[in-house]
Amino acid sequence: MTVTVLAIIEPDTRPAAPLAKVMNERIERFAKELQNQHLKGLETVEPLYDDLVVYISYNSKYSVRWKVMNDVPGHIETVVAEQCAKLGYIKWKTSAFGVVDKNDRKL
């Protein structure tokens, strides 16, 4: 299975310039760590030609949130959820981008 974790940097949640640079570098580092360390074991899950795409980003309160972006078996999403929970990441609350969640800004 090919595992890809993408850091999503949204213009709506950008803080002031000096902080934005630090936050952007941080979320990109988190994406690499999630992909290369915490989800590395999923690369050997059959079928090997399947893909797992996970987005991570900040919410309006600068908590890290995650979302599996493609169809994967339930046990794979459970593994992602467990690893993200261990890291203190929260699940992305909406099912589509561009949808306004009452607890968050435009996603």
PDB file of N, CA and C in Angstrom:
ATOM      1  N   MET A   1       0.850  -1.167   0.000  1.00  0.00           N
ATOM      2  CA  MET A   1       0.000   0.000   0.000  1.00  0.00           C
ATOM      3  C   MET A   1       0.897   1.232   0.000  1.00  0.00           C
ATOM      4  N   THR A   2       0.574   2.158  -0.854  1.00  0.00           N
ATOM      5  CA  THR A   2       1.310   3.415  -0.898  1.00  0.00           C
ATOM      6  C   THR A   2       0.661   4.383   0.087  1.00  0.00           C
ATOM      7  N   VAL A   3       1.457   4.888   1.028  1.00  0.00           N
ATOM      8  CA  VAL A   3       0.954   5.799   2.053  1.00  0.00           C
ATOM      9  C   VAL A   3       1.459   7.206   1.739  1.00  0.00           C
ATOM     10  N   THR A   4       0.518   8.156   1.643  1.00  0.00           N
ATOM     11  CA  THR A   4       0.862   9.551   1.390  1.00  0.00           C
ATOM     12  C   THR A   4       0.146  10.415   2.411  1.00  0.00           C
ATOM     13  N   VAL A   5       0.901  11.236   3.116  1.00  0.00           N
ATOM     14  CA  VAL A   5       0.323  12.189   4.063  1.00  0.00           C
ATOM     15  C   VAL A   5       0.673  13.575   3.563  1.00  0.00           C
ATOM     16  N   LEU A   6      -0.355  14.388   3.320  1.00  0.00           N
ATOM     17  CA  LEU A   6      -0.160  15.731   2.790  1.00  0.00           C
ATOM     18  C   LEU A   6      -0.529  16.778   3.825  1.00  0.00           C
ATOM     19  N   ALA A   7       0.347  17.752   3.980  1.00  0.00           N
ATOM     20  CA  ALA A   7       0.064  18.891   4.853  1.00  0.00           C
ATOM     21  C   ALA A   7      -0.729  19.906   4.042  1.00  0.00           C
ATOM     22  N   ILE A   8      -1.886  20.276   4.529  1.00  0.00           N
ATOM     23  CA  ILE A   8      -2.731  21.250   3.861  1.00  0.00           C
ATOM     24  C   ILE A   8      -2.588  22.576   4.596  1.00  0.00           C
ATOM     25  N   ILE A   9      -2.132  23.585   3.872  1.00  0.00           N
ATOM     26  CA  ILE A   9      -1.971  24.919   4.455  1.00  0.00           C
ATOM     27  C   ILE A   9      -3.068  25.801   3.872  1.00  0.00           C
ATOM     28  N   GLU A  10      -4.011  26.153   4.725  1.00  0.00           N
ATOM     29  CA  GLU A  10      -5.169  26.896   4.276  1.00  0.00           C
ATOM     30  C   GLU A  10      -4.990  28.391   4.513  1.00  0.00           C
ATOM     31  N   PRO A  11      -5.338  29.208   3.533  1.00  0.00           N
ATOM     32  CA  PRO A  11      -5.159  30.653   3.694  1.00  0.00           C
ATOM     33  C   PRO A  11      -6.058  31.258   4.770  1.00  0.00           C
ATOM     34  N   ASP A  12      -7.194  30.653   5.053  1.00  0.00           N
ATOM     35  CA  ASP A  12      -8.124  31.204   6.051  1.00  0.00           C
ATOM     36  C   ASP A  12      -7.595  31.114   7.474  1.00  0.00           C
ATOM     37  N   THR A  13      -6.719  30.160   7.742  1.00  0.00           N
ATOM     38  CA  THR A  13      -6.256  29.959   9.112  1.00  0.00           C
ATOM     39  C   THR A  13      -4.817  30.424   9.316  1.00  0.00           C
ATOM     40  N   ARG A  14      -4.294  31.190   8.398  1.00  0.00           N
ATOM     41  CA  ARG A  14      -2.910  31.650   8.519  1.00  0.00           C
ATOM     42  C   ARG A  14      -2.786  32.741   9.577  1.00  0.00           C
ATOM     43  N   PRO A  15      -1.855  32.559  10.497  1.00  0.00           N
ATOM     44  CA  PRO A  15      -1.575  33.600  11.493  1.00  0.00           C
ATOM     45  C   PRO A  15      -0.635  34.653  10.902  1.00  0.00           C
ATOM     46  N   ALA A  16      -0.152  35.558  11.722  1.00  0.00           N
ATOM     47  CA  ALA A  16       0.790  36.586  11.282  1.00  0.00           C
ATOM     48  C   ALA A  16       2.026  35.933  10.663  1.00  0.00           C
ATOM     49  N   ALA A  17       2.711  36.662   9.793  1.00  0.00           N
ATOM     50  CA  ALA A  17       3.808  36.123   8.982  1.00  0.00           C
ATOM     51  C   ALA A  17       4.859  35.322   9.753  1.00  0.00           C
ATOM     52  N   PRO A  18       5.447  35.827  10.847  1.00  0.00           N
ATOM     53  CA  PRO A  18       6.481  35.030  11.527  1.00  0.00           C
ATOM     54  C   PRO A  18       5.941  33.704  12.083  1.00  0.00           C
ATOM     55  N   LEU A  19       4.747  33.754  12.642  1.00  0.00           N
ATOM     56  CA  LEU A  19       4.149  32.539  13.177  1.00  0.00           C
ATOM     57  C   LEU A  19       3.737  31.592  12.056  1.00  0.00           C
ATOM     58  N   ALA A  20       3.270  32.133  10.946  1.00  0.00           N
ATOM     59  CA  ALA A  20       2.844  31.302   9.816  1.00  0.00           C
ATOM     60  C   ALA A  20       3.980  30.429   9.318  1.00  0.00           C
ATOM     61  N   LYS A  21       5.177  30.994   9.228  1.00  0.00           N
ATOM     62  CA  LYS A  21       6.324  30.217   8.762  1.00  0.00           C
ATOM     63  C   LYS A  21       6.593  29.042   9.690  1.00  0.00           C
ATOM     64  N   VAL A  22       6.592  29.302  10.978  1.00  0.00           N
ATOM     65  CA  VAL A  22       6.835  28.248  11.965  1.00  0.00           C
ATOM     66  C   VAL A  22       5.735  27.188  11.901  1.00  0.00           C
ATOM     67  N   MET A  23       4.489  27.630  11.830  1.00  0.00           N
ATOM     68  CA  MET A  23       3.358  26.692  11.804  1.00  0.00           C
ATOM     69  C   MET A  23       3.370  25.847  10.530  1.00  0.00           C
ATOM     70  N   ASN A  24       3.697  26.464   9.387  1.00  0.00           N
ATOM     71  CA  ASN A  24       3.748  25.723   8.126  1.00  0.00           C
ATOM     72  C   ASN A  24       4.859  24.684   8.149  1.00  0.00           C
ATOM     73  N   GLU A  25       6.018  25.051   8.667  1.00  0.00           N
ATOM     74  CA  GLU A  25       7.113  24.090   8.775  1.00  0.00           C
ATOM     75  C   GLU A  25       6.742  22.952   9.726  1.00  0.00           C
ATOM     76  N   ARG A  26       6.055  23.299  10.773  1.00  0.00           N
ATOM     77  CA  ARG A  26       5.647  22.308  11.778  1.00  0.00           C
ATOM     78  C   ARG A  26       4.658  21.298  11.192  1.00  0.00           C
ATOM     79  N   ILE A  27       3.641  21.775  10.469  1.00  0.00           N
ATOM     80  CA  ILE A  27       2.633  20.856   9.918  1.00  0.00           C
ATOM     81  C   ILE A  27       3.259  19.974   8.833  1.00  0.00           C
ATOM     82  N   GLU A  28       4.208  20.517   8.072  1.00  0.00           N
ATOM     83  CA  GLU A  28       4.892  19.702   7.074  1.00  0.00           C
ATOM     84  C   GLU A  28       5.755  18.625   7.747  1.00  0.00           C
ATOM     85  N   ARG A  29       6.394  18.972   8.859  1.00  0.00           N
ATOM     86  CA  ARG A  29       7.186  17.992   9.619  1.00  0.00           C
ATOM     87  C   ARG A  29       6.274  16.903  10.182  1.00  0.00           C
ATOM     88  N   PHE A  30       5.109  17.309  10.714  1.00  0.00           N
ATOM     89  CA  PHE A  30       4.151  16.336  11.241  1.00  0.00           C
ATOM     90  C   PHE A  30       3.698  15.374  10.149  1.00  0.00           C
ATOM     91  N   ALA A  31       3.471  15.888   8.938  1.00  0.00           N
ATOM     92  CA  ALA A  31       3.044  15.042   7.820  1.00  0.00           C
ATOM     93  C   ALA A  31       4.113  14.009   7.490  1.00  0.00           C
ATOM     94  N   LYS A  32       5.368  14.439   7.430  1.00  0.00           N
ATOM     95  CA  LYS A  32       6.463  13.511   7.132  1.00  0.00           C
ATOM     96  C   LYS A  32       6.601  12.456   8.222  1.00  0.00           C
ATOM     97  N   GLU A  33       6.512  12.885   9.483  1.00  0.00           N
ATOM     98  CA  GLU A  33       6.637  11.936  10.590  1.00  0.00           C
ATOM     99  C   GLU A  33       5.494  10.925  10.581  1.00  0.00           C
ATOM    100  N   LEU A  34       4.273  11.396  10.335  1.00  0.00           N
ATOM    101  CA  LEU A  34       3.123  10.495  10.302  1.00  0.00           C
ATOM    102  C   LEU A  34       3.310   9.463   9.196  1.00  0.00           C
ATOM    103  N   GLN A  35       3.743   9.900   8.023  1.00  0.00           N
ATOM    104  CA  GLN A  35       3.926   9.002   6.888  1.00  0.00           C
ATOM    105  C   GLN A  35       5.098   8.053   7.093  1.00  0.00           C
ATOM    106  N   ASN A  36       6.238   8.584   7.483  1.00  0.00           N
ATOM    107  CA  ASN A  36       7.469   7.785   7.513  1.00  0.00           C
ATOM    108  C   ASN A  36       7.711   7.006   8.789  1.00  0.00           C
ATOM    109  N   GLN A  37       7.030   7.369   9.862  1.00  0.00           N
ATOM    110  CA  GLN A  37       7.247   6.662  11.121  1.00  0.00           C
ATOM    111  C   GLN A  37       5.998   5.934  11.593  1.00  0.00           C
ATOM    112  N   HIS A  38       4.924   6.652  11.769  1.00  0.00           N
ATOM    113  CA  HIS A  38       3.736   6.104  12.411  1.00  0.00           C
ATOM    114  C   HIS A  38       2.880   5.232  11.491  1.00  0.00           C
ATOM    115  N   LEU A  39       2.882   5.513  10.190  1.00  0.00           N
ATOM    116  CA  LEU A  39       2.072   4.720   9.257  1.00  0.00           C
ATOM    117  C   LEU A  39       2.935   3.856   8.343  1.00  0.00           C
ATOM    118  N   LYS A  40       4.201   3.774   8.616  1.00  0.00           N
ATOM    119  CA  LYS A  40       5.154   3.016   7.790  1.00  0.00           C
ATOM    120  C   LYS A  40       4.731   1.553   7.645  1.00  0.00           C
ATOM    121  N   GLY A  41       4.199   0.970   8.701  1.00  0.00           N
ATOM    122  CA  GLY A  41       3.794  -0.433   8.667  1.00  0.00           C
ATOM    123  C   GLY A  41       2.688  -0.736   7.671  1.00  0.00           C
ATOM    124  N   LEU A  42       1.925   0.274   7.274  1.00  0.00           N
ATOM    125  CA  LEU A  42       0.844   0.051   6.312  1.00  0.00           C
ATOM    126  C   LEU A  42       1.353  -0.169   4.894  1.00  0.00           C
ATOM    127  N   GLU A  43       2.621   0.131   4.644  1.00  0.00           N
ATOM    128  CA  GLU A  43       3.173  -0.051   3.302  1.00  0.00           C
ATOM    129  C   GLU A  43       3.246  -1.518   2.897  1.00  0.00           C
ATOM    130  N   THR A  44       3.202  -2.414   3.864  1.00  0.00           N
ATOM    131  CA  THR A  44       3.285  -3.846   3.558  1.00  0.00           C
ATOM    132  C   THR A  44       1.921  -4.536   3.588  1.00  0.00           C
ATOM    133  N   VAL A  45       0.856  -3.757   3.766  1.00  0.00           N
ATOM    134  CA  VAL A  45      -0.494  -4.318   3.797  1.00  0.00           C
ATOM    135  C   VAL A  45      -0.942  -4.638   2.381  1.00  0.00           C
ATOM    136  N   GLU A  46      -1.524  -5.807   2.221  1.00  0.00           N
ATOM    137  CA  GLU A  46      -2.049  -6.228   0.917  1.00  0.00           C
ATOM    138  C   GLU A  46      -3.384  -5.563   0.646  1.00  0.00           C
ATOM    139  N   PRO A  47      -3.749  -5.256  -0.560  1.00  0.00           N
ATOM    140  CA  PRO A  47      -2.923  -5.334  -1.761  1.00  0.00           C
ATOM    141  C   PRO A  47      -1.939  -4.164  -1.812  1.00  0.00           C
ATOM    142  N   LEU A  48      -0.751  -4.453  -2.273  1.00  0.00           N
ATOM    143  CA  LEU A  48       0.324  -3.466  -2.278  1.00  0.00           C
ATOM    144  C   LEU A  48       0.076  -2.309  -3.242  1.00  0.00           C
ATOM    145  N   TYR A  49      -0.810  -2.492  -4.208  1.00  0.00           N
ATOM    146  CA  TYR A  49      -1.070  -1.443  -5.206  1.00  0.00           C
ATOM    147  C   TYR A  49      -2.109  -0.422  -4.729  1.00  0.00           C
ATOM    148  N   ASP A  50      -2.745  -0.647  -3.590  1.00  0.00           N
ATOM    149  CA  ASP A  50      -3.717   0.313  -3.061  1.00  0.00           C
ATOM    150  C   ASP A  50      -3.013   1.545  -2.508  1.00  0.00           C
ATOM    151  N   ASP A  51      -3.773   2.627  -2.422  1.00  0.00           N
ATOM    152  CA  ASP A  51      -3.238   3.876  -1.891  1.00  0.00           C
ATOM    153  C   ASP A  51      -3.979   4.287  -0.634  1.00  0.00           C
ATOM    154  N   LEU A  52      -3.266   4.960   0.245  1.00  0.00           N
ATOM    155  CA  LEU A  52      -3.841   5.611   1.413  1.00  0.00           C
ATOM    156  C   LEU A  52      -3.382   7.055   1.368  1.00  0.00           C
ATOM    157  N   VAL A  53      -4.337   7.976   1.314  1.00  0.00           N
ATOM    158  CA  VAL A  53      -4.024   9.402   1.293  1.00  0.00           C
ATOM    159  C   VAL A  53      -4.652  10.029   2.529  1.00  0.00           C
ATOM    160  N   VAL A  54      -3.805  10.670   3.343  1.00  0.00           N
ATOM    161  CA  VAL A  54      -4.250  11.330   4.565  1.00  0.00           C
ATOM    162  C   VAL A  54      -3.874  12.798   4.468  1.00  0.00           C
ATOM    163  N   TYR A  55      -4.854  13.666   4.743  1.00  0.00           N
ATOM    164  CA  TYR A  55      -4.580  15.100   4.826  1.00  0.00           C
ATOM    165  C   TYR A  55      -4.474  15.470   6.292  1.00  0.00           C
ATOM    166  N   ILE A  56      -3.514  16.343   6.612  1.00  0.00           N
ATOM    167  CA  ILE A  56      -3.485  16.936   7.939  1.00  0.00           C
ATOM    168  C   ILE A  56      -3.388  18.442   7.776  1.00  0.00           C
ATOM    169  N   SER A  57      -3.982  19.136   8.729  1.00  0.00           N
ATOM    170  CA  SER A  57      -4.030  20.590   8.680  1.00  0.00           C
ATOM    171  C   SER A  57      -4.288  21.098  10.084  1.00  0.00           C
ATOM    172  N   TYR A  58      -4.362  22.406  10.207  1.00  0.00           N
ATOM    173  CA  TYR A  58      -4.761  23.024  11.468  1.00  0.00           C
ATOM    174  C   TYR A  58      -6.220  23.405  11.396  1.00  0.00           C
ATOM    175  N   ASN A  59      -6.898  23.361  12.532  1.00  0.00           N
ATOM    176  CA  ASN A  59      -8.237  23.937  12.585  1.00  0.00           C
ATOM    177  C   ASN A  59      -8.094  25.379  13.045  1.00  0.00           C
ATOM    178  N   SER A  60      -9.184  26.054  13.292  1.00  0.00           N
ATOM    179  CA  SER A  60      -9.134  27.468  13.657  1.00  0.00           C
ATOM    180  C   SER A  60      -8.466  27.715  15.005  1.00  0.00           C
ATOM    181  N   LYS A  61      -8.367  26.675  15.830  1.00  0.00           N
ATOM    182  CA  LYS A  61      -7.713  26.808  17.135  1.00  0.00           C
ATOM    183  C   LYS A  61      -6.293  26.243  17.102  1.00  0.00           C
ATOM    184  N   TYR A  62      -5.782  25.991  15.903  1.00  0.00           N
ATOM    185  CA  TYR A  62      -4.426  25.486  15.666  1.00  0.00           C
ATOM    186  C   TYR A  62      -4.174  24.099  16.227  1.00  0.00           C
ATOM    187  N   SER A  63      -5.236  23.314  16.366  1.00  0.00           N
ATOM    188  CA  SER A  63      -5.064  21.895  16.681  1.00  0.00           C
ATOM    189  C   SER A  63      -4.830  21.175  15.353  1.00  0.00           C
ATOM    190  N   VAL A  64      -4.059  20.116  15.383  1.00  0.00           N
ATOM    191  CA  VAL A  64      -3.813  19.349  14.167  1.00  0.00           C
ATOM    192  C   VAL A  64      -4.982  18.402  13.958  1.00  0.00           C
ATOM    193  N   ARG A  65      -5.509  18.406  12.748  1.00  0.00           N
ATOM    194  CA  ARG A  65      -6.624  17.512  12.406  1.00  0.00           C
ATOM    195  C   ARG A  65      -6.227  16.653  11.219  1.00  0.00           C
ATOM    196  N   TRP A  66      -6.880  15.527  11.054  1.00  0.00           N
ATOM    197  CA  TRP A  66      -6.542  14.587   9.999  1.00  0.00           C
ATOM    198  C   TRP A  66      -7.799  14.061   9.333  1.00  0.00           C
ATOM    199  N   LYS A  67      -7.633  13.582   8.095  1.00  0.00           N
ATOM    200  CA  LYS A  67      -8.747  12.987   7.358  1.00  0.00           C
ATOM    201  C   LYS A  67      -8.184  12.040   6.308  1.00  0.00           C
ATOM    202  N   VAL A  68      -8.732  10.833   6.247  1.00  0.00           N
ATOM    203  CA  VAL A  68      -8.403   9.902   5.168  1.00  0.00           C
ATOM    204  C   VAL A  68      -9.210  10.349   3.951  1.00  0.00           C
ATOM    205  N   MET A  69      -8.518  10.592   2.846  1.00  0.00           N
ATOM    206  CA  MET A  69      -9.164  11.210   1.686  1.00  0.00           C
ATOM    207  C   MET A  69      -9.628  10.233   0.614  1.00  0.00           C
ATOM    208  N   ASN A  70      -9.317   8.977   0.737  1.00  0.00           N
ATOM    209  CA  ASN A  70      -9.771   8.021  -0.272  1.00  0.00           C
ATOM    210  C   ASN A  70     -10.416   6.814   0.408  1.00  0.00           C
ATOM    211  N   ASP A  71     -11.043   5.989  -0.394  1.00  0.00           N
ATOM    212  CA  ASP A  71     -11.703   4.800   0.144  1.00  0.00           C
ATOM    213  C   ASP A  71     -10.651   3.749   0.505  1.00  0.00           C
ATOM    214  N   VAL A  72     -10.651   3.385   1.773  1.00  0.00           N
ATOM    215  CA  VAL A  72      -9.767   2.332   2.261  1.00  0.00           C
ATOM    216  C   VAL A  72     -10.601   1.419   3.151  1.00  0.00           C
ATOM    217  N   PRO A  73     -10.146   0.188   3.353  1.00  0.00           N
ATOM    218  CA  PRO A  73     -10.876  -0.703   4.258  1.00  0.00           C
ATOM    219  C   PRO A  73     -10.958  -0.099   5.670  1.00  0.00           C
ATOM    220  N   GLY A  74     -11.982  -0.464   6.390  1.00  0.00           N
ATOM    221  CA  GLY A  74     -12.212   0.062   7.734  1.00  0.00           C
ATOM    222  C   GLY A  74     -11.057  -0.170   8.688  1.00  0.00           C
ATOM    223  N   HIS A  75     -10.406  -1.316   8.590  1.00  0.00           N
ATOM    224  CA  HIS A  75      -9.295  -1.591   9.507  1.00  0.00           C
ATOM    225  C   HIS A  75      -8.105  -0.664   9.251  1.00  0.00           C
ATOM    226  N   ILE A  76      -7.936  -0.218   8.013  1.00  0.00           N
ATOM    227  CA  ILE A  76      -6.854   0.724   7.699  1.00  0.00           C
ATOM    228  C   ILE A  76      -7.169   2.082   8.314  1.00  0.00           C
ATOM    229  N   GLU A  77      -8.410   2.537   8.168  1.00  0.00           N
ATOM    230  CA  GLU A  77      -8.792   3.821   8.768  1.00  0.00           C
ATOM    231  C   GLU A  77      -8.692   3.753  10.291  1.00  0.00           C
ATOM    232  N   THR A  78      -8.973   2.592  10.860  1.00  0.00           N
ATOM    233  CA  THR A  78      -8.835   2.416  12.310  1.00  0.00           C
ATOM    234  C   THR A  78      -7.378   2.563  12.739  1.00  0.00           C
ATOM    235  N   VAL A  79      -6.461   1.999  11.973  1.00  0.00           N
ATOM    236  CA  VAL A  79      -5.034   2.135  12.286  1.00  0.00           C
ATOM    237  C   VAL A  79      -4.628   3.605  12.227  1.00  0.00           C
ATOM    238  N   VAL A  80      -5.071   4.309  11.186  1.00  0.00           N
ATOM    239  CA  VAL A  80      -4.763   5.743  11.053  1.00  0.00           C
ATOM    240  C   VAL A  80      -5.340   6.506  12.239  1.00  0.00           C
ATOM    241  N   ALA A  81      -6.580   6.212  12.599  1.00  0.00           N
ATOM    242  CA  ALA A  81      -7.228   6.896  13.726  1.00  0.00           C
ATOM    243  C   ALA A  81      -6.473   6.653  15.023  1.00  0.00           C
ATOM    244  N   GLU A  82      -6.031   5.427  15.250  1.00  0.00           N
ATOM    245  CA  GLU A  82      -5.292   5.108  16.476  1.00  0.00           C
ATOM    246  C   GLU A  82      -3.962   5.852  16.532  1.00  0.00           C
ATOM    247  N   GLN A  83      -3.235   5.865  15.418  1.00  0.00           N
ATOM    248  CA  GLN A  83      -1.946   6.547  15.387  1.00  0.00           C
ATOM    249  C   GLN A  83      -2.108   8.059  15.572  1.00  0.00           C
ATOM    250  N   CYS A  84      -3.108   8.630  14.917  1.00  0.00           N
ATOM    251  CA  CYS A  84      -3.349  10.064  15.049  1.00  0.00           C
ATOM    252  C   CYS A  84      -3.803  10.422  16.465  1.00  0.00           C
ATOM    253  N   ALA A  85      -4.602   9.557  17.081  1.00  0.00           N
ATOM    254  CA  ALA A  85      -5.043   9.799  18.460  1.00  0.00           C
ATOM    255  C   ALA A  85      -3.856   9.780  19.416  1.00  0.00           C
ATOM    256  N   LYS A  86      -2.918   8.853  19.200  1.00  0.00           N
ATOM    257  CA  LYS A  86      -1.716   8.797  20.039  1.00  0.00           C
ATOM    258  C   LYS A  86      -0.913  10.085  19.944  1.00  0.00           C
ATOM    259  N   LEU A  87      -0.956  10.723  18.764  1.00  0.00           N
ATOM    260  CA  LEU A  87      -0.214  11.960  18.546  1.00  0.00           C
ATOM    261  C   LEU A  87      -0.997  13.198  18.989  1.00  0.00           C
ATOM    262  N   GLY A  88      -2.243  12.997  19.398  1.00  0.00           N
ATOM    263  CA  GLY A  88      -3.061  14.120  19.847  1.00  0.00           C
ATOM    264  C   GLY A  88      -3.774  14.847  18.722  1.00  0.00           C
ATOM    265  N   TYR A  89      -3.821  14.239  17.534  1.00  0.00           N
ATOM    266  CA  TYR A  89      -4.508  14.854  16.403  1.00  0.00           C
ATOM    267  C   TYR A  89      -6.002  14.547  16.504  1.00  0.00           C
ATOM    268  N   ILE A  90      -6.821  15.455  16.005  1.00  0.00           N
ATOM    269  CA  ILE A  90      -8.270  15.253  16.028  1.00  0.00           C
ATOM    270  C   ILE A  90      -8.764  14.938  14.626  1.00  0.00           C
ATOM    271  N   LYS A  91      -9.885  14.221  14.554  1.00  0.00           N
ATOM    272  CA  LYS A  91     -10.448  13.857  13.259  1.00  0.00           C
ATOM    273  C   LYS A  91     -11.099  15.079  12.621  1.00  0.00           C
ATOM    274  N   TRP A  92     -10.885  15.229  11.335  1.00  0.00           N
ATOM    275  CA  TRP A  92     -11.494  16.298  10.553  1.00  0.00           C
ATOM    276  C   TRP A  92     -12.992  16.049  10.551  1.00  0.00           C
ATOM    277  N   LYS A  93     -13.788  17.032  10.944  1.00  0.00           N
ATOM    278  CA  LYS A  93     -15.200  16.816  11.240  1.00  0.00           C
ATOM    279  C   LYS A  93     -16.132  16.758  10.046  1.00  0.00           C
ATOM    280  N   THR A  94     -15.794  17.335   8.936  1.00  0.00           N
ATOM    281  CA  THR A  94     -16.721  17.341   7.806  1.00  0.00           C
ATOM    282  C   THR A  94     -16.302  16.325   6.760  1.00  0.00           C
ATOM    283  N   SER A  95     -17.244  15.969   5.921  1.00  0.00           N
ATOM    284  CA  SER A  95     -16.955  14.966   4.904  1.00  0.00           C
ATOM    285  C   SER A  95     -16.519  15.577   3.582  1.00  0.00           C
ATOM    286  N   ALA A  96     -16.631  16.892   3.439  1.00  0.00           N
ATOM    287  CA  ALA A  96     -16.252  17.533   2.180  1.00  0.00           C
ATOM    288  C   ALA A  96     -15.549  18.858   2.444  1.00  0.00           C
ATOM    289  N   PHE A  97     -14.676  19.223   1.525  1.00  0.00           N
ATOM    290  CA  PHE A  97     -14.004  20.509   1.638  1.00  0.00           C
ATOM    291  C   PHE A  97     -14.945  21.604   1.152  1.00  0.00           C
ATOM    292  N   GLY A  98     -14.768  22.800   1.683  1.00  0.00           N
ATOM    293  CA  GLY A  98     -15.606  23.919   1.291  1.00  0.00           C
ATOM    294  C   GLY A  98     -16.904  23.975   2.073  1.00  0.00           C
ATOM    295  N   VAL A  99     -17.068  23.059   3.031  1.00  0.00           N
ATOM    296  CA  VAL A  99     -18.264  23.004   3.851  1.00  0.00           C
ATOM    297  C   VAL A  99     -17.975  23.697   5.173  1.00  0.00           C
ATOM    298  N   VAL A 100     -18.882  24.526   5.608  1.00  0.00           N
ATOM    299  CA  VAL A 100     -18.681  25.236   6.861  1.00  0.00           C
ATOM    300  C   VAL A 100     -19.218  24.403   8.007  1.00  0.00           C
ATOM    301  N   ASP A 101     -18.359  24.116   8.945  1.00  0.00           N
ATOM    302  CA  ASP A 101     -18.719  23.390  10.148  1.00  0.00           C
ATOM    303  C   ASP A 101     -19.001  24.427  11.235  1.00  0.00           C
ATOM    304  N   LYS A 102     -20.043  24.253  12.011  1.00  0.00           N
ATOM    305  CA  LYS A 102     -20.394  25.250  13.016  1.00  0.00           C
ATOM    306  C   LYS A 102     -19.309  25.417  14.085  1.00  0.00           C
ATOM    307  N   ASN A 103     -18.453  24.409  14.271  1.00  0.00           N
ATOM    308  CA  ASN A 103     -17.385  24.470  15.262  1.00  0.00           C
ATOM    309  C   ASN A 103     -16.045  24.875  14.654  1.00  0.00           C
ATOM    310  N   ASP A 104     -16.010  25.146  13.377  1.00  0.00           N
ATOM    311  CA  ASP A 104     -14.756  25.417  12.725  1.00  0.00           C
ATOM    312  C   ASP A 104     -14.997  26.417  11.598  1.00  0.00           C
ATOM    313  N   ARG A 105     -13.935  26.885  11.037  1.00  0.00           N
ATOM    314  CA  ARG A 105     -14.039  27.786   9.896  1.00  0.00           C
ATOM    315  C   ARG A 105     -14.302  26.966   8.639  1.00  0.00           C
ATOM    316  N   LYS A 106     -14.321  27.657   7.513  1.00  0.00           N
ATOM    317  CA  LYS A 106     -14.518  26.985   6.242  1.00  0.00           C
ATOM    318  C   LYS A 106     -13.426  25.943   6.061  1.00  0.00           C
ATOM    319  N   LEU A 107     -13.809  24.717   5.686  1.00  0.00           N
ATOM    320  CA  LEU A 107     -12.841  23.630   5.549  1.00  0.00           C
ATOM    321  C   LEU A 107     -12.465  23.412   4.103  1.00  0.00           C
TER     322      LEU A 107
END
